[in-house]
C-alpha atoms as a PDB file:
ATOM      1  CA  MET A   1      11.081  -0.252   1.798  1.00  0.00           C
ATOM      2  CA  ALA A   2       9.728  -1.692   5.217  1.00  0.00           C
ATOM      3  CA  GLY A   3       5.874  -1.412   5.751  1.00  0.00           C
ATOM      4  CA  LEU A   4       4.313   0.921   8.119  1.00  0.00           C
ATOM      5  CA  TYR A   5       3.341   0.245  11.781  1.00  0.00           C
ATOM      6  CA  PHE A   6      -0.157   0.747  13.136  1.00  0.00           C
ATOM      7  CA  GLU A   7       0.977   3.945  14.567  1.00  0.00           C
ATOM      8  CA  ASP A   8       2.203   5.252  11.282  1.00  0.00           C
ATOM      9  CA  PHE A   9      -1.232   5.150   9.643  1.00  0.00           C
ATOM     10  CA  GLU A  10      -3.073   8.480   9.428  1.00  0.00           C
ATOM     11  CA  VAL A  11      -6.837   8.140   8.756  1.00  0.00           C
ATOM     12  CA  GLY A  12      -7.614  10.138   5.412  1.00  0.00           C
ATOM     13  CA  LYS A  13      -4.080   9.950   4.018  1.00  0.00           C
ATOM     14  CA  THR A  14      -3.837   8.802   0.456  1.00  0.00           C
ATOM     15  CA  TYR A  15      -0.713   6.915  -0.889  1.00  0.00           C
ATOM     16  CA  ARG A  16      -0.012   6.724  -4.738  1.00  0.00           C
ATOM     17  CA  HIS A  17       2.053   3.492  -5.010  1.00  0.00           C
ATOM     18  CA  PRO A  18       5.156   3.850  -7.290  1.00  0.00           C
ATOM     19  CA  TYR A  19       5.181   0.546  -8.926  1.00  0.00           C
ATOM     20  CA  GLY A  20       2.576  -0.152 -11.840  1.00  0.00           C
ATOM     21  CA  ARG A  21       2.254  -3.374 -13.905  1.00  0.00           C
ATOM     22  CA  THR A  22       1.293  -4.117 -17.426  1.00  0.00           C
ATOM     23  CA  VAL A  23      -1.082  -7.232 -17.541  1.00  0.00           C
ATOM     24  CA  THR A  24       0.047  -9.740 -20.008  1.00  0.00           C
ATOM     25  CA  GLU A  25      -1.889 -12.383 -21.785  1.00  0.00           C
ATOM     26  CA  MET A  26       0.203 -14.963 -19.840  1.00  0.00           C
ATOM     27  CA  ASP A  27      -0.847 -13.374 -16.471  1.00  0.00           C
ATOM     28  CA  ASN A  28      -4.406 -13.883 -17.321  1.00  0.00           C
ATOM     29  CA  VAL A  29      -4.369 -17.334 -18.903  1.00  0.00           C
ATOM     30  CA  LEU A  30      -2.016 -18.893 -16.311  1.00  0.00           C
ATOM     31  CA  PHE A  31      -3.866 -17.321 -13.341  1.00  0.00           C
ATOM     32  CA  THR A  32      -7.344 -18.438 -14.796  1.00  0.00           C
ATOM     33  CA  CYS A  33      -6.228 -21.892 -15.333  1.00  0.00           C
ATOM     34  CA  LEU A  34      -4.388 -22.203 -11.927  1.00  0.00           C
ATOM     35  CA  THR A  35      -7.408 -21.241 -10.262  1.00  0.00           C
ATOM     36  CA  MET A  36      -9.757 -23.692 -12.255  1.00  0.00           C
ATOM     37  CA  ASN A  37     -11.693 -20.893 -13.632  1.00  0.00           C
ATOM     38  CA  THR A  38     -13.017 -22.112 -17.005  1.00  0.00           C
ATOM     39  CA  GLN A  39     -14.895 -19.018 -17.831  1.00  0.00           C
ATOM     40  CA  THR A  40     -14.611 -18.791 -21.800  1.00  0.00           C
ATOM     41  CA  LEU A  41     -14.629 -14.936 -21.607  1.00  0.00           C
ATOM     42  CA  HIS A  42     -10.963 -15.281 -20.137  1.00  0.00           C
ATOM     43  CA  LEU A  43      -9.673 -17.997 -22.220  1.00  0.00           C
ATOM     44  CA  ASP A  44     -11.527 -18.165 -25.656  1.00  0.00           C
ATOM     45  CA  GLU A  45     -10.653 -15.249 -27.973  1.00  0.00           C
ATOM     46  CA  GLU A  46     -13.234 -16.150 -30.685  1.00  0.00           C
ATOM     47  CA  PHE A  47     -16.102 -16.171 -27.823  1.00  0.00           C
ATOM     48  CA  ALA A  48     -14.882 -13.040 -26.350  1.00  0.00           C
ATOM     49  CA  ARG A  49     -14.909 -11.266 -29.788  1.00  0.00           C
ATOM     50  CA  SER A  50     -18.531 -11.935 -29.991  1.00  0.00           C
ATOM     51  CA  THR A  51     -19.250 -10.142 -26.526  1.00  0.00           C
ATOM     52  CA  GLN A  52     -19.882  -6.533 -25.684  1.00  0.00           C
ATOM     53  CA  HIS A  53     -16.279  -6.474 -24.587  1.00  0.00           C
ATOM     54  CA  GLY A  54     -14.630  -7.642 -28.116  1.00  0.00           C
ATOM     55  CA  ALA A  55     -11.720  -9.302 -26.651  1.00  0.00           C
ATOM     56  CA  ARG A  56     -10.797 -11.531 -23.728  1.00  0.00           C
ATOM     57  CA  VAL A  57     -11.273  -9.794 -20.314  1.00  0.00           C
ATOM     58  CA  VAL A  58      -8.575 -10.197 -17.446  1.00  0.00           C
ATOM     59  CA  ASN A  59      -9.723 -12.447 -14.696  1.00  0.00           C
ATOM     60  CA  SER A  60     -11.194 -10.020 -11.980  1.00  0.00           C
ATOM     61  CA  ILE A  61      -9.699 -11.981  -9.192  1.00  0.00           C
ATOM     62  CA  PHE A  62      -6.193 -11.454 -10.861  1.00  0.00           C
ATOM     63  CA  THR A  63      -6.911  -7.714 -10.934  1.00  0.00           C
ATOM     64  CA  LEU A  64      -8.055  -7.748  -7.248  1.00  0.00           C
ATOM     65  CA  GLY A  65      -4.660  -9.584  -6.354  1.00  0.00           C
ATOM     66  CA  LEU A  66      -2.688  -7.298  -8.296  1.00  0.00           C
ATOM     67  CA  LEU A  67      -4.367  -4.234  -6.784  1.00  0.00           C
ATOM     68  CA  VAL A  68      -3.628  -5.387  -3.066  1.00  0.00           C
ATOM     69  CA  GLY A  69      -0.169  -6.664  -4.219  1.00  0.00           C
ATOM     70  CA  MET A  70       0.932  -3.065  -5.678  1.00  0.00           C
ATOM     71  CA  THR A  71       0.427  -1.653  -2.160  1.00  0.00           C
ATOM     72  CA  VAL A  72       2.439  -4.147  -0.130  1.00  0.00           C
ATOM     73  CA  SER A  73       5.845  -2.282  -0.672  1.00  0.00           C
ATOM     74  CA  ASP A  74       4.644   0.911   0.614  1.00  0.00           C
ATOM     75  CA  LEU A  75       2.347  -0.134   3.420  1.00  0.00           C
ATOM     76  CA  THR A  76       2.473  -3.618   4.930  1.00  0.00           C
ATOM     77  CA  MET A  77       5.800  -5.276   3.978  1.00  0.00           C
ATOM     78  CA  GLY A  78       6.943  -7.134   7.229  1.00  0.00           C
ATOM     79  CA  THR A  79       4.428  -5.359   9.416  1.00  0.00           C
ATOM     80  CA  THR A  80       1.022  -7.024   8.617  1.00  0.00           C
ATOM     81  CA  LEU A  81      -0.311 -10.012  10.593  1.00  0.00           C
ATOM     82  CA  GLY A  82      -2.970 -10.891   7.923  1.00  0.00           C
ATOM     83  CA  ASN A  83      -6.056  -9.843   6.190  1.00  0.00           C
ATOM     84  CA  LEU A  84      -9.089  -9.840   8.058  1.00  0.00           C
ATOM     85  CA  SER A  85     -11.664  -8.870   5.186  1.00  0.00           C
ATOM     86  CA  MET A  86     -12.160  -7.536   1.817  1.00  0.00           C
ATOM     87  CA  THR A  87     -15.359  -6.009   1.215  1.00  0.00           C
ATOM     88  CA  ASP A  88     -16.990  -3.397  -1.407  1.00  0.00           C
ATOM     89  CA  ILE A  89     -15.156  -4.957  -4.157  1.00  0.00           C
ATOM     90  CA  ARG A  90     -16.027  -3.619  -7.680  1.00  0.00           C
ATOM     91  CA  PHE A  91     -14.744  -3.776 -11.077  1.00  0.00           C
ATOM     92  CA  PRO A  92     -16.214  -0.806 -12.935  1.00  0.00           C
ATOM     93  CA  ILE A  93     -14.700  -1.511 -16.266  1.00  0.00           C
ATOM     94  CA  PRO A  94     -12.839  -4.563 -17.485  1.00  0.00           C
ATOM     95  CA  VAL A  95      -9.062  -4.988 -17.792  1.00  0.00           C
ATOM     96  CA  PHE A  96      -7.594  -6.295 -20.991  1.00  0.00           C
ATOM     97  CA  HIS A  97      -4.168  -7.709 -22.056  1.00  0.00           C
ATOM     98  CA  GLY A  98      -1.831  -4.822 -22.394  1.00  0.00           C
ATOM     99  CA  ASP A  99      -3.259  -2.465 -19.816  1.00  0.00           C
ATOM    100  CA  THR A 100      -0.982  -0.978 -17.382  1.00  0.00           C
ATOM    101  CA  LEU A 101      -2.426  -0.492 -13.895  1.00  0.00           C
ATOM    102  CA  ARG A 102      -1.499   1.644 -10.786  1.00  0.00           C
ATOM    103  CA  ALA A 103      -2.827   1.832  -7.571  1.00  0.00           C
ATOM    104  CA  GLU A 104      -3.745   4.174  -4.823  1.00  0.00           C
ATOM    105  CA  THR A 105      -4.575   3.609  -1.104  1.00  0.00           C
ATOM    106  CA  THR A 106      -6.694   5.917   1.263  1.00  0.00           C
ATOM    107  CA  ILE A 107      -6.484   5.032   5.077  1.00  0.00           C
ATOM    108  CA  LEU A 108     -10.058   4.840   5.934  1.00  0.00           C
ATOM    109  CA  ASP A 109     -10.026   3.722   9.566  1.00  0.00           C
ATOM    110  CA  LYS A 110      -8.069   2.361  12.213  1.00  0.00           C
ATOM    111  CA  ARG A 111      -8.544   1.057  15.851  1.00  0.00           C
ATOM    112  CA  ALA A 112      -6.317  -0.408  18.452  1.00  0.00           C
ATOM    113  CA  SER A 113      -7.017  -4.175  19.232  1.00  0.00           C
ATOM    114  CA  ARG A 114      -8.994  -4.551  22.375  1.00  0.00           C
ATOM    115  CA  SER A 115      -7.429  -8.021  23.155  1.00  0.00           C
ATOM    116  CA  LYS A 116      -3.891  -7.781  22.035  1.00  0.00           C
ATOM    117  CA  LEU A 117      -1.891  -4.845  22.675  1.00  0.00           C
ATOM    118  CA  ASP A 118       0.716  -5.545  20.032  1.00  0.00           C
ATOM    119  CA  ARG A 119      -1.496  -4.786  17.073  1.00  0.00           C
ATOM    120  CA  GLY A 120      -4.379  -2.893  15.582  1.00  0.00           C
ATOM    121  CA  VAL A 121      -6.851  -3.031  12.631  1.00  0.00           C
ATOM    122  CA  VAL A 122      -6.352  -0.639   9.693  1.00  0.00           C
ATOM    123  CA  THR A 123      -8.999  -0.245   6.981  1.00  0.00           C
ATOM    124  CA  PHE A 124      -7.563   0.504   3.452  1.00  0.00           C
ATOM    125  CA  GLY A 125      -9.520   1.809   0.488  1.00  0.00           C
ATOM    126  CA  HIS A 126      -7.453   0.343  -2.453  1.00  0.00           C
ATOM    127  CA  THR A 127      -8.150   1.624  -5.995  1.00  0.00           C
ATOM    128  CA  ALA A 128      -6.613   0.507  -9.200  1.00  0.00           C
ATOM    129  CA  TYR A 129      -6.553   2.644 -12.393  1.00  0.00           C
ATOM    130  CA  ASN A 130      -5.575   1.903 -15.939  1.00  0.00           C
ATOM    131  CA  GLN A 131      -3.245   3.888 -18.328  1.00  0.00           C
ATOM    132  CA  ARG A 132      -6.155   6.193 -19.062  1.00  0.00           C
ATOM    133  CA  ASP A 133      -6.652   6.991 -15.309  1.00  0.00           C
ATOM    134  CA  GLU A 134      -9.992   4.951 -15.582  1.00  0.00           C
ATOM    135  CA  GLU A 135     -10.897   3.204 -12.264  1.00  0.00           C
ATOM    136  CA  VAL A 136     -10.754  -0.694 -12.906  1.00  0.00           C
ATOM    137  CA  ALA A 137     -11.044  -2.026  -9.360  1.00  0.00           C
ATOM    138  CA  TYR A 138     -11.708  -1.115  -5.707  1.00  0.00           C
ATOM    139  CA  CYS A 139     -11.518  -3.080  -2.532  1.00  0.00           C
ATOM    140  CA  ARG A 140     -12.053  -2.002   1.061  1.00  0.00           C
ATOM    141  CA  ARG A 141      -9.561  -4.173   3.088  1.00  0.00           C
ATOM    142  CA  ALA A 142      -9.172  -4.556   6.846  1.00  0.00           C
ATOM    143  CA  GLY A 143      -5.707  -5.764   8.041  1.00  0.00           C
ATOM    144  CA  MET A 144      -4.257  -6.646  11.248  1.00  0.00           C
ATOM    145  CA  MET A 145      -1.119  -4.536  11.646  1.00  0.00           C
ATOM    146  CA  MET A 146       1.731  -4.735  14.181  1.00  0.00           C
ATOM    147  CA  ARG A 147       2.233  -1.967  16.745  1.00  0.00           C
ATOM    148  CA  ARG A 148       5.688  -0.310  16.902  1.00  0.00           C
ATOM    149  CA  PRO A 149       7.880  -2.268  19.100  1.00  0.00           C
ATOM    150  CA  HIS A 150       8.696  -0.387  22.212  1.00  0.00           C
ATOM    151  CA  ALA A 151      12.409  -0.200  23.165  1.00  0.00           C
ATOM    152  CA  GLU A 152      13.500  -2.351  25.763  1.00  0.00           C
ATOM    153  CA  SER A 153      14.386  -0.696  28.860  1.00  0.00           C
ATOM    154  CA  GLY A 154      17.622  -1.737  30.498  1.00  0.00           C
ATOM    155  CA  CYS A 155      20.177  -0.533  32.791  1.00  0.00           C
ATOM    156  CA  GLY A 156      23.645   0.501  31.497  1.00  0.00           C
END
């Protein structure tokens, strides 16, 4: 499915994204090691068992990336020009190996670019939920979105 253009976004509309994802141990360990995050809470099961969580916790930056990634096919595939900001990021409860996440997005705001007529800024409120419908992540994201191309006028 192609992404939406700036004009297609309606402030207040919520999208429930169709593709969920079960988080695996491999996801967590690989991402943690690739990003050089040596936090033992992500890598050391024996250490993690002694914490309030009782098990390794999935790297929150992986969770954030997965949250935003689950929204792409519905909203921005081929129509985004890039992220401008991510704010108000929160992780109210941890994600564990085996949790299945899903995402919802609410369109919070939009405005046409003042300097470039071919684009606008859309503010998204992305929320991830686990299989028990508990919120596990939230992010407010501003994205630069393409405006719908105008048909070329021609003779003939």
